[in-house]
Each structure stands twice: as structure tokens, then as C-alpha cells.
């Protein structure tokens, strides 16, 4: 086989493999759950696929851990620091939201907020993705007996003066800024509590 002809095919196959695995459809059986010692107090999770991270967070939360903060790495991994809660503390449930589209992000975070999930502020991050696209990601949590609901507003603009005005108007409507990040634009995530429906 001519290497010059085979090389483009190999590159195309690699790109297709990355795109298909990035879709979030990972069989649960192929995911290696973290090894957790019964006396372990701290846990660090790292995964490239949001579906894998969701499964690992669920696994750790069921064993009494809660999310403290998160970050991302240039290789598209999300990294989360978790800590074991006191023995009698309420168990927590988690939802990881990650998308490249700000409109979809707004819809998904609002839906989670209506279900009683609340953004963990130190997990609002940029997640590098396939083909140099950057996703916006956040971890949301709720207690197993969630009785409250939340509404979210995502402000995104290149102009600091515009962001300042939008932030001011949102605060007048009862929203509070909970996190901020920079992607192509400046982004502020705001939250307010609402009555459950």
C-alpha cells in the first residue's frame, strides 16, 4: 500500500472516530469507575467525554462525595475535585451540562434549575472540544430532597460596557451573578430562586 495514499484515509478515520466518541454515547460497560477506598476523603476525577464524567460523578456522589470545584485541560478533559461529605449529610445528585451553543446551554441549565439543580460556581468552565471548538460547561447539583427551583440567565458579549448594563438590569430583576468566564466573549452566569411549579 502506498503510504502517501493511505495517510489521508488514516487521518479521516481518526477524525470520524473522535467525532463519534465526542457525541457522548459511551457504553457504560466500557467506563472504568474510580477506585474509592472507604476511608478516602478526597477524589479527583478526569474525563474527556461528558457522559463518562457524568457516570463517574454519579458513582462518587452515591458514595458520599460532593463536587468542590472544576477545571479543564487543553486535551479536552474536565477535571473535578470532590470531597467526602460528613456521614449524616444529605446525598447530592449531579448534572453536567456542556455544549458549544449558548442558546442550548441556556435552555438546559434552565431546565435543570426547574428540577432543583443549582450551578456549582467554581465549575463554570471552557472545555476544549474536537476541531478546536470550545464548549461551555457547568456542574449542577441538588440534594436528594430538593424543594427549591432556580432560574438562570447567561450574559455573553464582547463589549464590557454592554455586559455591565445587562448585568445591572438582571440584578434589578432579582438575579445574582454566580460565575464568570471568557470564551470568544465575556460570559456571566446569573441565578435567582423561583417557586417550584
N, C-alpha and C. Protein backbone atom coordinates (compact mmCIF):
# COMPACT_ATOMS: atom_id res chain seq x y z
N UNK A 1 0.85 -1.19 0.00
CA UNK A 1 0.00 0.00 0.00
C UNK A 1 0.88 1.24 0.00
N UNK A 2 0.52 2.20 -0.83
CA UNK A 2 1.27 3.44 -0.90
C UNK A 2 0.98 4.28 0.34
N UNK A 3 2.03 4.64 1.09
CA UNK A 3 1.84 5.40 2.33
C UNK A 3 1.23 6.76 2.09
N UNK A 4 1.56 7.39 0.97
CA UNK A 4 1.02 8.72 0.66
C UNK A 4 -0.50 8.67 0.47
N UNK A 5 -0.98 7.54 -0.14
CA UNK A 5 -2.43 7.41 -0.34
C UNK A 5 -3.13 7.00 0.96
N UNK A 6 -2.48 6.18 1.74
CA UNK A 6 -3.08 5.68 2.98
C UNK A 6 -3.16 6.71 4.08
N UNK A 7 -2.26 7.69 4.08
CA UNK A 7 -2.20 8.68 5.16
C UNK A 7 -3.48 9.51 5.27
N UNK A 8 -4.01 10.08 4.15
CA UNK A 8 -5.27 10.84 4.27
C UNK A 8 -6.42 9.99 4.79
N UNK A 9 -6.47 8.71 4.38
CA UNK A 9 -7.54 7.83 4.86
C UNK A 9 -7.42 7.60 6.37
N UNK A 10 -6.19 7.45 6.84
CA UNK A 10 -5.97 7.25 8.28
C UNK A 10 -6.40 8.48 9.06
N UNK A 11 -6.08 9.66 8.54
CA UNK A 11 -6.46 10.92 9.20
C UNK A 11 -7.98 11.04 9.23
N UNK A 12 -8.64 10.73 8.11
CA UNK A 12 -10.10 10.81 8.05
C UNK A 12 -10.75 9.86 9.05
N UNK A 13 -10.20 8.65 9.16
CA UNK A 13 -10.74 7.67 10.11
C UNK A 13 -10.57 8.15 11.54
N UNK A 14 -9.43 8.78 11.83
CA UNK A 14 -9.17 9.30 13.17
C UNK A 14 -10.15 10.42 13.53
N UNK A 15 -10.41 11.31 12.58
CA UNK A 15 -11.35 12.42 12.81
C UNK A 15 -12.75 11.87 13.05
N UNK A 16 -13.18 10.90 12.23
CA UNK A 16 -14.51 10.31 12.41
C UNK A 16 -14.64 9.61 13.75
N UNK A 17 -13.57 8.94 14.19
CA UNK A 17 -13.60 8.26 15.49
C UNK A 17 -13.75 9.28 16.61
N UNK A 18 -13.04 10.41 16.50
CA UNK A 18 -13.13 11.45 17.53
C UNK A 18 -14.51 12.07 17.56
N UNK A 19 -15.10 12.31 16.39
CA UNK A 19 -16.42 12.91 16.33
C UNK A 19 -17.46 11.98 16.93
N UNK A 20 -17.36 10.67 16.60
CA UNK A 20 -18.36 9.74 17.12
C UNK A 20 -18.23 9.54 18.62
N UNK A 21 -17.00 9.53 19.17
CA UNK A 21 -16.85 9.37 20.61
C UNK A 21 -17.20 10.64 21.34
N UNK A 22 -17.11 11.80 20.67
CA UNK A 22 -17.45 13.06 21.33
C UNK A 22 -18.95 13.28 21.40
N UNK A 23 -19.73 12.43 20.74
CA UNK A 23 -21.18 12.60 20.77
C UNK A 23 -21.77 12.28 22.12
N UNK A 24 -20.96 11.70 23.02
CA UNK A 24 -21.45 11.42 24.36
C UNK A 24 -22.07 10.04 24.49
N UNK A 25 -22.01 9.20 23.45
CA UNK A 25 -22.61 7.87 23.51
C UNK A 25 -21.53 6.84 23.83
N UNK A 26 -21.19 6.75 25.08
CA UNK A 26 -20.20 5.79 25.52
C UNK A 26 -20.91 4.68 26.27
N UNK A 27 -20.71 3.42 25.88
CA UNK A 27 -21.35 2.34 26.62
C UNK A 27 -20.87 2.33 28.06
N UNK A 28 -21.80 2.20 29.01
CA UNK A 28 -21.43 2.23 30.42
C UNK A 28 -20.44 1.13 30.77
N UNK A 29 -20.54 -0.03 30.08
CA UNK A 29 -19.67 -1.14 30.40
C UNK A 29 -18.21 -0.83 30.11
N UNK A 30 -17.94 0.12 29.20
CA UNK A 30 -16.56 0.43 28.85
C UNK A 30 -15.95 1.49 29.77
N UNK A 31 -16.74 2.07 30.65
CA UNK A 31 -16.24 3.11 31.54
C UNK A 31 -15.70 2.47 32.82
N UNK A 32 -14.47 2.79 33.15
CA UNK A 32 -13.83 2.28 34.37
C UNK A 32 -14.18 3.23 35.51
N UNK A 33 -14.94 2.75 36.48
CA UNK A 33 -15.31 3.59 37.61
C UNK A 33 -14.10 3.80 38.52
N UNK A 34 -14.03 4.97 39.17
CA UNK A 34 -12.87 5.25 40.04
C UNK A 34 -12.82 4.29 41.23
N UNK A 35 -11.61 3.94 41.62
CA UNK A 35 -11.41 3.11 42.82
C UNK A 35 -11.50 4.03 44.03
N UNK A 36 -12.45 3.74 44.93
CA UNK A 36 -12.65 4.59 46.11
C UNK A 36 -12.48 3.75 47.37
N UNK A 37 -11.53 4.15 48.19
CA UNK A 37 -11.30 3.49 49.47
C UNK A 37 -12.36 3.97 50.47
N UNK A 38 -12.85 3.11 51.35
CA UNK A 38 -13.87 3.53 52.32
C UNK A 38 -13.44 4.69 53.22
N UNK A 39 -12.13 4.84 53.45
CA UNK A 39 -11.63 5.92 54.30
C UNK A 39 -11.18 7.15 53.49
N UNK A 40 -11.27 7.06 52.19
CA UNK A 40 -10.79 8.15 51.32
C UNK A 40 -11.63 9.41 51.51
N UNK A 41 -10.96 10.57 51.64
CA UNK A 41 -11.68 11.83 51.86
C UNK A 41 -11.71 12.71 50.62
N UNK A 42 -10.72 12.57 49.75
CA UNK A 42 -10.61 13.43 48.57
C UNK A 42 -10.55 12.58 47.31
N UNK A 43 -11.12 13.12 46.23
CA UNK A 43 -11.18 12.37 44.97
C UNK A 43 -11.02 13.35 43.81
N UNK A 44 -10.19 12.99 42.85
CA UNK A 44 -10.01 13.78 41.64
C UNK A 44 -10.49 12.96 40.46
N UNK A 45 -11.44 13.51 39.71
CA UNK A 45 -11.95 12.84 38.51
C UNK A 45 -11.50 13.60 37.27
N UNK A 46 -11.17 12.87 36.21
CA UNK A 46 -10.79 13.50 34.94
C UNK A 46 -11.33 12.65 33.80
N UNK A 47 -12.04 13.29 32.87
CA UNK A 47 -12.60 12.57 31.72
C UNK A 47 -12.79 13.53 30.56
N UNK A 48 -12.64 13.02 29.35
CA UNK A 48 -12.83 13.84 28.15
C UNK A 48 -14.30 13.91 27.74
N UNK A 49 -15.02 12.80 27.87
CA UNK A 49 -16.42 12.77 27.47
C UNK A 49 -17.32 13.18 28.63
N UNK A 50 -18.28 14.05 28.36
CA UNK A 50 -19.19 14.48 29.42
C UNK A 50 -20.02 13.30 29.94
N UNK A 51 -20.35 12.35 29.06
CA UNK A 51 -21.12 11.18 29.50
C UNK A 51 -20.32 10.33 30.49
N UNK A 52 -19.03 10.20 30.26
CA UNK A 52 -18.16 9.45 31.17
C UNK A 52 -18.06 10.17 32.50
N UNK A 53 -17.85 11.49 32.45
CA UNK A 53 -17.74 12.27 33.68
C UNK A 53 -19.04 12.20 34.47
N UNK A 54 -20.17 12.25 33.76
CA UNK A 54 -21.47 12.16 34.45
C UNK A 54 -21.58 10.85 35.22
N UNK A 55 -21.19 9.74 34.60
CA UNK A 55 -21.27 8.44 35.26
C UNK A 55 -20.34 8.38 36.47
N UNK A 56 -19.13 8.93 36.32
CA UNK A 56 -18.16 8.89 37.42
C UNK A 56 -18.60 9.77 38.59
N UNK A 57 -19.17 10.94 38.28
CA UNK A 57 -19.68 11.82 39.34
C UNK A 57 -20.84 11.16 40.07
N UNK A 58 -21.74 10.55 39.32
CA UNK A 58 -22.87 9.84 39.94
C UNK A 58 -22.37 8.74 40.88
N UNK A 59 -21.38 8.00 40.42
CA UNK A 59 -20.80 6.90 41.20
C UNK A 59 -20.20 7.43 42.50
N UNK A 60 -19.43 8.52 42.40
CA UNK A 60 -18.78 9.11 43.58
C UNK A 60 -19.81 9.72 44.52
N UNK A 61 -20.82 10.40 43.97
CA UNK A 61 -21.85 11.04 44.81
C UNK A 61 -22.63 9.99 45.60
N UNK A 62 -22.89 8.85 44.99
CA UNK A 62 -23.60 7.78 45.68
C UNK A 62 -22.79 7.24 46.86
N UNK A 63 -21.49 7.48 46.84
CA UNK A 63 -20.60 7.05 47.92
C UNK A 63 -20.24 8.18 48.87
N UNK A 64 -21.01 9.28 48.80
CA UNK A 64 -20.88 10.35 49.79
C UNK A 64 -19.97 11.50 49.42
N UNK A 65 -19.55 11.60 48.16
CA UNK A 65 -18.67 12.70 47.75
C UNK A 65 -19.50 13.83 47.13
N UNK A 66 -18.99 15.06 47.25
CA UNK A 66 -19.63 16.20 46.60
C UNK A 66 -18.58 16.99 45.82
N UNK A 67 -19.03 17.71 44.79
CA UNK A 67 -18.12 18.48 43.93
C UNK A 67 -17.72 19.78 44.61
N UNK A 68 -16.41 20.03 44.66
CA UNK A 68 -15.88 21.26 45.24
C UNK A 68 -15.60 22.29 44.15
N UNK A 69 -14.89 21.88 43.11
CA UNK A 69 -14.56 22.80 42.01
C UNK A 69 -14.13 22.00 40.79
N UNK A 70 -14.05 22.69 39.66
CA UNK A 70 -13.65 22.02 38.43
C UNK A 70 -12.81 22.91 37.54
N UNK A 71 -12.16 22.28 36.58
CA UNK A 71 -11.35 22.99 35.60
C UNK A 71 -11.32 22.15 34.33
N UNK A 72 -10.62 22.64 33.32
CA UNK A 72 -10.46 21.86 32.10
C UNK A 72 -9.00 21.89 31.69
N UNK A 73 -8.64 20.92 30.86
CA UNK A 73 -7.28 20.84 30.34
C UNK A 73 -7.33 20.99 28.84
N UNK A 74 -6.20 21.34 28.24
CA UNK A 74 -6.13 21.55 26.80
C UNK A 74 -6.44 20.31 25.98
N UNK A 75 -6.39 19.13 26.61
CA UNK A 75 -6.68 17.89 25.88
C UNK A 75 -8.16 17.54 25.92
N UNK A 76 -9.01 18.47 26.25
CA UNK A 76 -10.48 18.37 26.31
C UNK A 76 -11.00 17.66 27.56
N UNK A 77 -10.13 17.36 28.51
CA UNK A 77 -10.59 16.76 29.76
C UNK A 77 -11.24 17.78 30.69
N UNK A 78 -12.27 17.33 31.37
CA UNK A 78 -12.81 18.07 32.51
C UNK A 78 -12.21 17.41 33.75
N UNK A 79 -11.77 18.23 34.68
CA UNK A 79 -11.19 17.72 35.93
C UNK A 79 -12.03 18.27 37.08
N UNK A 80 -12.49 17.37 37.96
CA UNK A 80 -13.29 17.78 39.11
C UNK A 80 -12.63 17.33 40.41
N UNK A 81 -12.62 18.23 41.40
CA UNK A 81 -12.18 17.89 42.74
C UNK A 81 -13.43 17.59 43.56
N UNK A 82 -13.42 16.44 44.24
CA UNK A 82 -14.56 16.06 45.08
C UNK A 82 -14.06 15.76 46.49
N UNK A 83 -14.95 15.95 47.45
CA UNK A 83 -14.62 15.74 48.85
C UNK A 83 -15.74 14.93 49.50
N UNK A 84 -15.36 14.06 50.43
CA UNK A 84 -16.39 13.25 51.11
C UNK A 84 -17.14 14.11 52.11
N UNK A 85 -18.46 14.04 52.06
CA UNK A 85 -19.31 14.80 52.98
C UNK A 85 -19.34 14.10 54.34
N UNK A 86 -19.70 14.83 55.40
CA UNK A 86 -19.89 14.18 56.70
C UNK A 86 -20.90 13.04 56.57
N UNK A 87 -20.79 12.07 57.45
CA UNK A 87 -21.57 10.83 57.34
C UNK A 87 -23.07 11.04 57.23
N UNK A 88 -23.63 11.98 57.99
CA UNK A 88 -25.09 12.16 58.01
C UNK A 88 -25.57 13.23 57.04
N UNK A 89 -24.67 13.75 56.22
CA UNK A 89 -25.06 14.80 55.27
C UNK A 89 -25.98 14.22 54.19
N UNK A 90 -26.85 15.10 53.66
CA UNK A 90 -27.74 14.68 52.57
C UNK A 90 -26.92 14.29 51.36
N UNK A 91 -27.35 13.26 50.67
CA UNK A 91 -26.71 12.87 49.42
C UNK A 91 -27.05 13.92 48.36
N UNK A 92 -26.14 14.08 47.41
CA UNK A 92 -26.36 15.06 46.34
C UNK A 92 -26.40 14.36 44.99
N UNK A 93 -27.15 14.96 44.09
CA UNK A 93 -27.24 14.47 42.71
C UNK A 93 -26.63 15.52 41.80
N UNK A 94 -26.07 15.06 40.67
CA UNK A 94 -25.36 15.97 39.78
C UNK A 94 -25.83 15.85 38.34
N UNK A 95 -25.70 16.97 37.66
CA UNK A 95 -25.99 17.03 36.23
C UNK A 95 -24.89 17.88 35.60
N UNK A 96 -24.19 17.30 34.63
CA UNK A 96 -23.13 18.03 33.92
C UNK A 96 -23.68 18.52 32.60
N UNK A 97 -23.62 19.83 32.40
CA UNK A 97 -24.11 20.42 31.16
C UNK A 97 -22.92 20.95 30.38
N UNK A 98 -22.82 20.56 29.12
CA UNK A 98 -21.71 21.02 28.26
C UNK A 98 -22.20 21.10 26.82
N UNK A 99 -22.05 22.27 26.22
CA UNK A 99 -22.46 22.46 24.83
C UNK A 99 -21.71 23.65 24.23
N UNK A 100 -21.61 23.67 22.91
CA UNK A 100 -20.94 24.78 22.24
C UNK A 100 -21.90 25.94 21.98
N UNK A 101 -23.20 25.68 22.07
CA UNK A 101 -24.22 26.67 21.72
C UNK A 101 -24.77 27.36 22.97
N UNK A 102 -24.67 28.68 23.03
CA UNK A 102 -25.13 29.42 24.21
C UNK A 102 -26.65 29.31 24.40
N UNK A 103 -27.41 29.23 23.31
CA UNK A 103 -28.87 29.11 23.42
C UNK A 103 -29.24 27.76 24.04
N UNK A 104 -28.61 26.69 23.57
CA UNK A 104 -28.87 25.35 24.13
C UNK A 104 -28.42 25.30 25.58
N UNK A 105 -27.28 25.93 25.88
CA UNK A 105 -26.79 25.97 27.27
C UNK A 105 -27.83 26.63 28.16
N UNK A 106 -28.38 27.76 27.72
CA UNK A 106 -29.40 28.48 28.48
C UNK A 106 -30.62 27.59 28.73
N UNK A 107 -31.08 26.90 27.69
CA UNK A 107 -32.25 26.03 27.83
C UNK A 107 -31.98 24.88 28.81
N UNK A 108 -30.82 24.25 28.69
CA UNK A 108 -30.51 23.08 29.53
C UNK A 108 -30.30 23.46 30.99
N UNK A 109 -29.64 24.58 31.22
CA UNK A 109 -29.40 25.00 32.60
C UNK A 109 -30.69 25.46 33.26
N UNK A 110 -31.59 26.07 32.48
CA UNK A 110 -32.90 26.47 33.00
C UNK A 110 -33.74 25.26 33.36
N UNK A 111 -33.73 24.25 32.49
CA UNK A 111 -34.49 23.03 32.75
C UNK A 111 -33.98 22.34 34.02
N UNK A 112 -32.66 22.27 34.17
CA UNK A 112 -32.07 21.67 35.37
C UNK A 112 -32.44 22.49 36.61
N UNK A 113 -32.44 23.82 36.48
CA UNK A 113 -32.81 24.69 37.59
C UNK A 113 -34.25 24.45 38.05
N UNK A 114 -35.16 24.24 37.09
CA UNK A 114 -36.56 23.94 37.43
C UNK A 114 -36.68 22.62 38.18
N UNK A 115 -35.74 21.71 37.94
CA UNK A 115 -35.73 20.41 38.63
C UNK A 115 -35.03 20.48 39.99
N UNK A 116 -34.62 21.70 40.38
CA UNK A 116 -33.99 21.85 41.69
C UNK A 116 -32.47 21.82 41.68
N UNK A 117 -31.88 21.70 40.50
CA UNK A 117 -30.42 21.71 40.40
C UNK A 117 -29.92 23.15 40.47
N UNK A 118 -28.76 23.31 41.05
CA UNK A 118 -28.15 24.63 41.21
C UNK A 118 -26.70 24.58 40.72
N UNK A 119 -26.27 25.60 39.98
CA UNK A 119 -24.91 25.63 39.44
C UNK A 119 -23.88 25.65 40.57
N UNK A 120 -22.84 24.84 40.44
CA UNK A 120 -21.70 24.89 41.35
C UNK A 120 -20.77 25.95 40.76
N UNK A 121 -20.69 27.16 41.36
CA UNK A 121 -20.00 28.28 40.71
C UNK A 121 -18.58 28.00 40.23
N UNK A 122 -17.81 27.26 40.99
CA UNK A 122 -16.41 27.03 40.60
C UNK A 122 -16.25 25.90 39.59
N UNK A 123 -17.35 25.58 38.89
CA UNK A 123 -17.28 24.58 37.81
C UNK A 123 -17.74 25.16 36.47
N UNK A 124 -17.93 26.46 36.38
CA UNK A 124 -18.33 27.12 35.14
C UNK A 124 -17.06 27.32 34.32
N UNK A 125 -16.87 26.49 33.28
CA UNK A 125 -15.57 26.45 32.59
C UNK A 125 -15.72 26.36 31.07
N UNK A 126 -14.61 26.64 30.39
CA UNK A 126 -14.47 26.38 28.96
C UNK A 126 -13.89 24.99 28.81
N UNK A 127 -14.49 24.17 27.97
CA UNK A 127 -13.98 22.82 27.72
C UNK A 127 -13.58 22.72 26.26
N UNK A 128 -12.26 22.59 25.97
CA UNK A 128 -11.84 22.40 24.58
C UNK A 128 -12.51 21.15 24.01
N UNK A 129 -12.82 21.20 22.72
CA UNK A 129 -13.59 20.12 22.10
C UNK A 129 -12.94 19.77 20.77
N UNK A 130 -13.50 18.81 20.06
CA UNK A 130 -12.98 18.39 18.76
C UNK A 130 -12.97 19.56 17.79
N UNK A 131 -12.00 19.59 16.90
CA UNK A 131 -11.89 20.61 15.85
C UNK A 131 -11.74 22.03 16.41
N UNK A 132 -11.13 22.17 17.57
CA UNK A 132 -10.83 23.47 18.19
C UNK A 132 -12.08 24.26 18.60
N UNK A 133 -13.23 23.61 18.69
CA UNK A 133 -14.44 24.27 19.18
C UNK A 133 -14.41 24.19 20.70
N UNK A 134 -14.87 25.24 21.37
CA UNK A 134 -14.87 25.25 22.83
C UNK A 134 -16.30 25.15 23.36
N UNK A 135 -16.51 24.21 24.26
CA UNK A 135 -17.82 24.07 24.90
C UNK A 135 -17.85 24.90 26.18
N UNK A 136 -19.06 25.32 26.56
CA UNK A 136 -19.29 25.92 27.88
C UNK A 136 -19.78 24.77 28.74
N UNK A 137 -19.24 24.64 29.92
CA UNK A 137 -19.65 23.54 30.80
C UNK A 137 -19.89 24.04 32.21
N UNK A 138 -20.80 23.37 32.91
CA UNK A 138 -21.04 23.66 34.33
C UNK A 138 -21.59 22.39 34.98
N UNK A 139 -21.22 22.19 36.24
CA UNK A 139 -21.78 21.10 37.03
C UNK A 139 -22.90 21.68 37.86
N UNK A 140 -24.05 21.00 37.87
CA UNK A 140 -25.18 21.44 38.68
C UNK A 140 -25.47 20.36 39.72
N UNK A 141 -25.89 20.80 40.92
CA UNK A 141 -26.15 19.83 41.99
C UNK A 141 -27.47 20.15 42.68
N UNK A 142 -28.05 19.11 43.27
CA UNK A 142 -29.23 19.27 44.12
C UNK A 142 -29.18 18.20 45.20
N UNK A 143 -29.82 18.50 46.31
CA UNK A 143 -29.94 17.49 47.35
C UNK A 143 -31.00 16.50 46.90
N UNK A 144 -30.99 15.32 47.47
CA UNK A 144 -31.97 14.30 47.07
C UNK A 144 -33.39 14.70 47.46
N UNK A 145 -33.50 15.70 48.33
CA UNK A 145 -34.83 16.19 48.74
C UNK A 145 -35.01 17.64 48.30
N UNK A 146 -34.64 17.94 47.08
CA UNK A 146 -34.70 19.31 46.57
C UNK A 146 -36.13 19.86 46.63
N UNK A 147 -36.27 21.02 47.27
CA UNK A 147 -37.60 21.65 47.39
C UNK A 147 -37.60 23.02 46.73
N UNK A 148 -36.47 23.44 46.21
CA UNK A 148 -36.37 24.77 45.60
C UNK A 148 -36.13 24.64 44.10
N UNK A 149 -36.39 25.72 43.39
CA UNK A 149 -36.13 25.75 41.95
C UNK A 149 -35.39 27.05 41.63
N UNK A 150 -34.66 27.04 40.52
CA UNK A 150 -33.82 28.18 40.16
C UNK A 150 -33.99 28.51 38.69
N UNK A 151 -33.75 29.77 38.40
CA UNK A 151 -33.78 30.26 37.02
C UNK A 151 -32.41 30.85 36.71
N UNK A 152 -31.97 30.66 35.48
CA UNK A 152 -30.63 31.13 35.10
C UNK A 152 -30.68 32.06 33.90
N UNK A 153 -29.72 32.94 33.86
CA UNK A 153 -29.56 33.85 32.73
C UNK A 153 -28.07 33.88 32.38
N UNK A 154 -27.77 33.66 31.10
CA UNK A 154 -26.38 33.70 30.63
C UNK A 154 -26.19 34.96 29.81
N UNK A 155 -25.32 35.83 30.28
CA UNK A 155 -24.98 37.04 29.52
C UNK A 155 -23.69 36.78 28.77
N UNK A 156 -23.66 37.10 27.48
CA UNK A 156 -22.46 36.87 26.67
C UNK A 156 -22.30 38.01 25.68
N UNK A 157 -21.17 38.70 25.74
CA UNK A 157 -20.92 39.81 24.83
C UNK A 157 -19.43 40.10 24.75
N UNK A 158 -19.02 40.76 23.68
CA UNK A 158 -17.62 41.19 23.53
C UNK A 158 -17.38 42.55 24.15
N UNK A 159 -18.45 43.28 24.45
CA UNK A 159 -18.32 44.65 24.94
C UNK A 159 -18.51 44.70 26.45
N UNK A 160 -17.52 45.21 27.16
CA UNK A 160 -17.63 45.28 28.62
C UNK A 160 -18.74 46.24 29.05
N UNK A 161 -18.93 47.32 28.29
CA UNK A 161 -19.99 48.28 28.65
C UNK A 161 -21.37 47.63 28.52
N UNK A 162 -21.56 46.83 27.48
CA UNK A 162 -22.84 46.13 27.28
C UNK A 162 -23.06 45.13 28.41
N UNK A 163 -22.02 44.40 28.77
CA UNK A 163 -22.12 43.41 29.84
C UNK A 163 -22.49 44.08 31.15
N UNK A 164 -21.89 45.22 31.42
CA UNK A 164 -22.18 45.95 32.66
C UNK A 164 -23.65 46.36 32.73
N UNK A 165 -24.19 46.86 31.61
CA UNK A 165 -25.60 47.28 31.58
C UNK A 165 -26.54 46.08 31.75
N UNK A 166 -26.24 44.98 31.03
CA UNK A 166 -27.09 43.79 31.11
C UNK A 166 -27.06 43.18 32.51
N UNK A 167 -25.88 43.18 33.12
CA UNK A 167 -25.73 42.66 34.47
C UNK A 167 -26.56 43.49 35.45
N UNK A 168 -26.47 44.82 35.31
CA UNK A 168 -27.21 45.74 36.18
C UNK A 168 -28.72 45.51 36.07
N UNK A 169 -29.22 45.35 34.85
CA UNK A 169 -30.66 45.13 34.63
C UNK A 169 -31.09 43.77 35.20
N UNK A 170 -30.24 42.77 35.03
CA UNK A 170 -30.57 41.44 35.56
C UNK A 170 -30.63 41.45 37.08
N UNK A 171 -29.72 42.19 37.71
CA UNK A 171 -29.72 42.28 39.18
C UNK A 171 -31.00 42.95 39.67
N UNK A 172 -31.51 43.94 38.92
CA UNK A 172 -32.76 44.60 39.29
C UNK A 172 -33.95 43.63 39.21
N UNK A 173 -33.80 42.60 38.38
CA UNK A 173 -34.85 41.58 38.25
C UNK A 173 -34.69 40.44 39.25
N UNK A 174 -33.75 40.58 40.17
CA UNK A 174 -33.58 39.57 41.20
C UNK A 174 -32.51 38.53 40.94
N UNK A 175 -31.80 38.64 39.83
CA UNK A 175 -30.72 37.71 39.53
C UNK A 175 -29.44 38.12 40.27
N UNK A 176 -28.61 37.13 40.59
CA UNK A 176 -27.32 37.37 41.22
C UNK A 176 -26.24 36.69 40.39
N UNK A 177 -25.14 37.39 40.14
CA UNK A 177 -24.03 36.80 39.40
C UNK A 177 -23.38 35.72 40.25
N UNK A 178 -23.21 34.52 39.67
CA UNK A 178 -22.61 33.41 40.42
C UNK A 178 -21.29 32.93 39.82
N UNK A 179 -21.04 33.24 38.53
CA UNK A 179 -19.79 32.78 37.91
C UNK A 179 -19.52 33.58 36.65
N UNK A 180 -18.25 33.57 36.24
CA UNK A 180 -17.84 34.32 35.05
C UNK A 180 -16.74 33.57 34.33
N UNK A 181 -16.75 33.64 33.00
CA UNK A 181 -15.65 33.07 32.22
C UNK A 181 -15.50 33.84 30.92
N UNK A 182 -14.40 33.57 30.23
CA UNK A 182 -14.14 34.19 28.94
C UNK A 182 -13.96 33.10 27.91
N UNK A 183 -14.70 33.18 26.83
CA UNK A 183 -14.53 32.29 25.68
C UNK A 183 -14.15 33.24 24.55
N UNK A 184 -14.89 33.25 23.43
CA UNK A 184 -14.67 34.29 22.42
C UNK A 184 -15.20 35.61 22.97
N UNK A 185 -16.19 35.50 23.88
CA UNK A 185 -16.78 36.68 24.51
C UNK A 185 -16.71 36.53 26.03
N UNK A 186 -17.07 37.62 26.71
CA UNK A 186 -17.19 37.58 28.17
C UNK A 186 -18.53 36.97 28.52
N UNK A 187 -18.57 36.10 29.52
CA UNK A 187 -19.81 35.46 29.92
C UNK A 187 -20.00 35.56 31.42
N UNK A 188 -21.23 35.91 31.82
CA UNK A 188 -21.58 35.92 33.24
C UNK A 188 -22.80 35.05 33.41
N UNK A 189 -22.76 34.16 34.39
CA UNK A 189 -23.88 33.29 34.70
C UNK A 189 -24.59 33.85 35.93
N UNK A 190 -25.91 34.11 35.79
CA UNK A 190 -26.70 34.67 36.88
C UNK A 190 -27.80 33.70 37.30
N UNK A 191 -28.19 33.80 38.56
CA UNK A 191 -29.16 32.87 39.13
C UNK A 191 -30.17 33.62 39.99
N UNK A 192 -31.41 33.11 40.01
CA UNK A 192 -32.38 33.57 41.01
C UNK A 192 -33.28 32.39 41.39
N UNK A 193 -33.70 32.42 42.63
CA UNK A 193 -34.59 31.36 43.10
C UNK A 193 -36.00 31.65 42.66
N UNK A 194 -36.73 30.63 42.25
CA UNK A 194 -38.13 30.78 41.85
C UNK A 194 -38.96 29.74 42.58
N UNK A 195 -40.26 29.92 42.58
CA UNK A 195 -41.15 28.95 43.21
C UNK A 195 -41.26 27.73 42.32
N UNK A 196 -41.11 26.54 42.90
CA UNK A 196 -41.26 25.33 42.07
C UNK A 196 -42.65 25.26 41.46
N UNK A 197 -42.74 24.74 40.24
CA UNK A 197 -44.04 24.62 39.56
C UNK A 197 -44.74 23.36 39.97
